[in-house]
Protein backbone atom coordinates (compact mmCIF):
# COMPACT_ATOMS: atom_id res chain seq x y z
CA MET A 1 158.41 43.41 43.14
CA SER A 2 159.55 45.79 45.88
CA GLU A 3 157.19 47.14 48.52
CA LYS A 4 156.08 50.77 48.18
CA PHE A 5 156.43 52.90 51.29
CA GLU A 6 154.67 56.15 52.16
CA ILE A 7 155.42 58.88 54.67
CA ARG A 8 153.11 60.79 57.00
CA VAL A 9 154.49 63.83 58.78
CA THR A 10 153.50 64.99 62.28
CA GLU A 11 153.41 68.65 63.33
CA GLU A 12 156.24 67.95 65.79
CA PHE A 13 158.40 66.70 62.90
CA ARG A 14 157.51 69.75 60.77
CA LYS A 15 158.50 72.08 63.60
CA GLY A 16 161.78 70.26 64.21
CA TYR A 17 162.58 70.21 60.50
CA ARG A 18 161.96 73.97 60.14
CA ASN A 19 164.41 74.62 62.99
CA LEU A 20 167.23 72.64 61.37
CA PRO A 21 170.02 74.34 59.41
CA LYS A 22 169.46 74.14 55.63
CA THR A 23 172.44 71.78 55.24
CA ILE A 24 170.84 69.35 57.72
CA GLN A 25 167.43 69.70 56.04
CA ARG A 26 169.06 68.52 52.79
CA LYS A 27 170.54 65.52 54.64
CA VAL A 28 167.10 64.71 56.10
CA ASP A 29 165.60 64.89 52.60
CA LYS A 30 168.26 62.49 51.28
CA GLN A 31 167.68 60.02 54.13
CA LEU A 32 163.92 60.15 53.59
CA ARG A 33 164.46 59.19 49.94
CA PHE A 34 166.43 56.18 51.18
CA LEU A 35 163.68 55.40 53.71
CA VAL A 36 160.90 55.16 51.13
CA SER A 37 163.00 53.31 48.54
CA ASN A 38 164.95 50.98 50.86
CA PRO A 39 164.36 51.18 54.65
CA LYS A 40 167.29 48.79 55.14
CA HIS A 41 169.74 51.16 53.43
CA PRO A 42 172.99 51.05 55.48
CA SER A 43 173.28 54.84 55.64
CA LEU A 44 170.07 55.01 57.72
CA ARG A 45 171.51 52.82 60.50
CA MET A 46 167.88 52.24 61.54
CA HIS A 47 167.20 50.53 64.83
CA LYS A 48 164.21 49.90 67.07
CA MET A 49 163.65 51.78 70.33
CA ASN A 50 160.64 50.40 72.18
CA ASP A 51 157.64 51.03 69.85
CA GLU A 52 159.49 53.51 67.68
CA TRP A 53 162.42 53.46 65.28
CA GLU A 54 165.37 55.78 64.99
CA PHE A 55 167.52 56.48 61.96
CA TYR A 56 170.61 58.60 61.52
CA VAL A 57 170.56 61.83 59.55
CA ASP A 58 174.27 62.19 60.33
CA MET A 59 176.51 61.75 63.38
CA TYR A 60 174.64 64.45 65.35
CA TYR A 61 171.06 64.40 64.05
CA ARG A 62 168.38 61.72 64.31
CA CYS A 63 164.86 61.09 63.12
CA ILE A 64 162.31 59.17 65.19
CA ILE A 65 159.59 57.32 63.28
CA ARG A 66 156.81 54.80 63.80
CA ARG A 67 155.99 52.19 61.22
CA GLU A 68 152.45 51.08 60.45
CA GLY A 69 152.59 48.58 57.61
CA ALA A 70 153.94 50.38 54.55
CA MET A 71 153.49 53.78 56.23
CA PHE A 72 156.30 55.57 58.05
CA ILE A 73 155.08 58.23 60.46
CA LEU A 74 157.75 60.87 61.01
CA LEU A 75 157.48 61.79 64.69
CA THR A 76 160.39 64.17 65.25
CA VAL A 77 163.80 65.18 63.97
CA GLY A 78 166.66 66.98 65.66
CA GLY A 79 169.91 66.64 67.54
CA HIS A 80 170.81 63.32 69.15
CA LYS A 81 169.17 64.44 72.42
CA ILE A 82 165.71 63.96 70.86
CA VAL A 83 166.23 60.24 71.42
CA GLU A 84 165.86 60.91 75.16
CA ARG A 85 162.50 62.68 74.76
């Protein structure tokens, strides 16, 4: 039986998401479906950065998350420079 994952969204993530082009929002949505169904999906290219995790939306956009058990907390999303925040 596979583990069920949930998502919690921060205000910073909401704000970043709203500022993305619609085409990128659709890519984020697709990656989030992968995240909750299979966090090890190769398209996510997820990797740990200190206490947080990063996954790829595409070559230029990233999403920063924190994991607490079966809960993924979406911290922020945006261009690759968000990694340096």
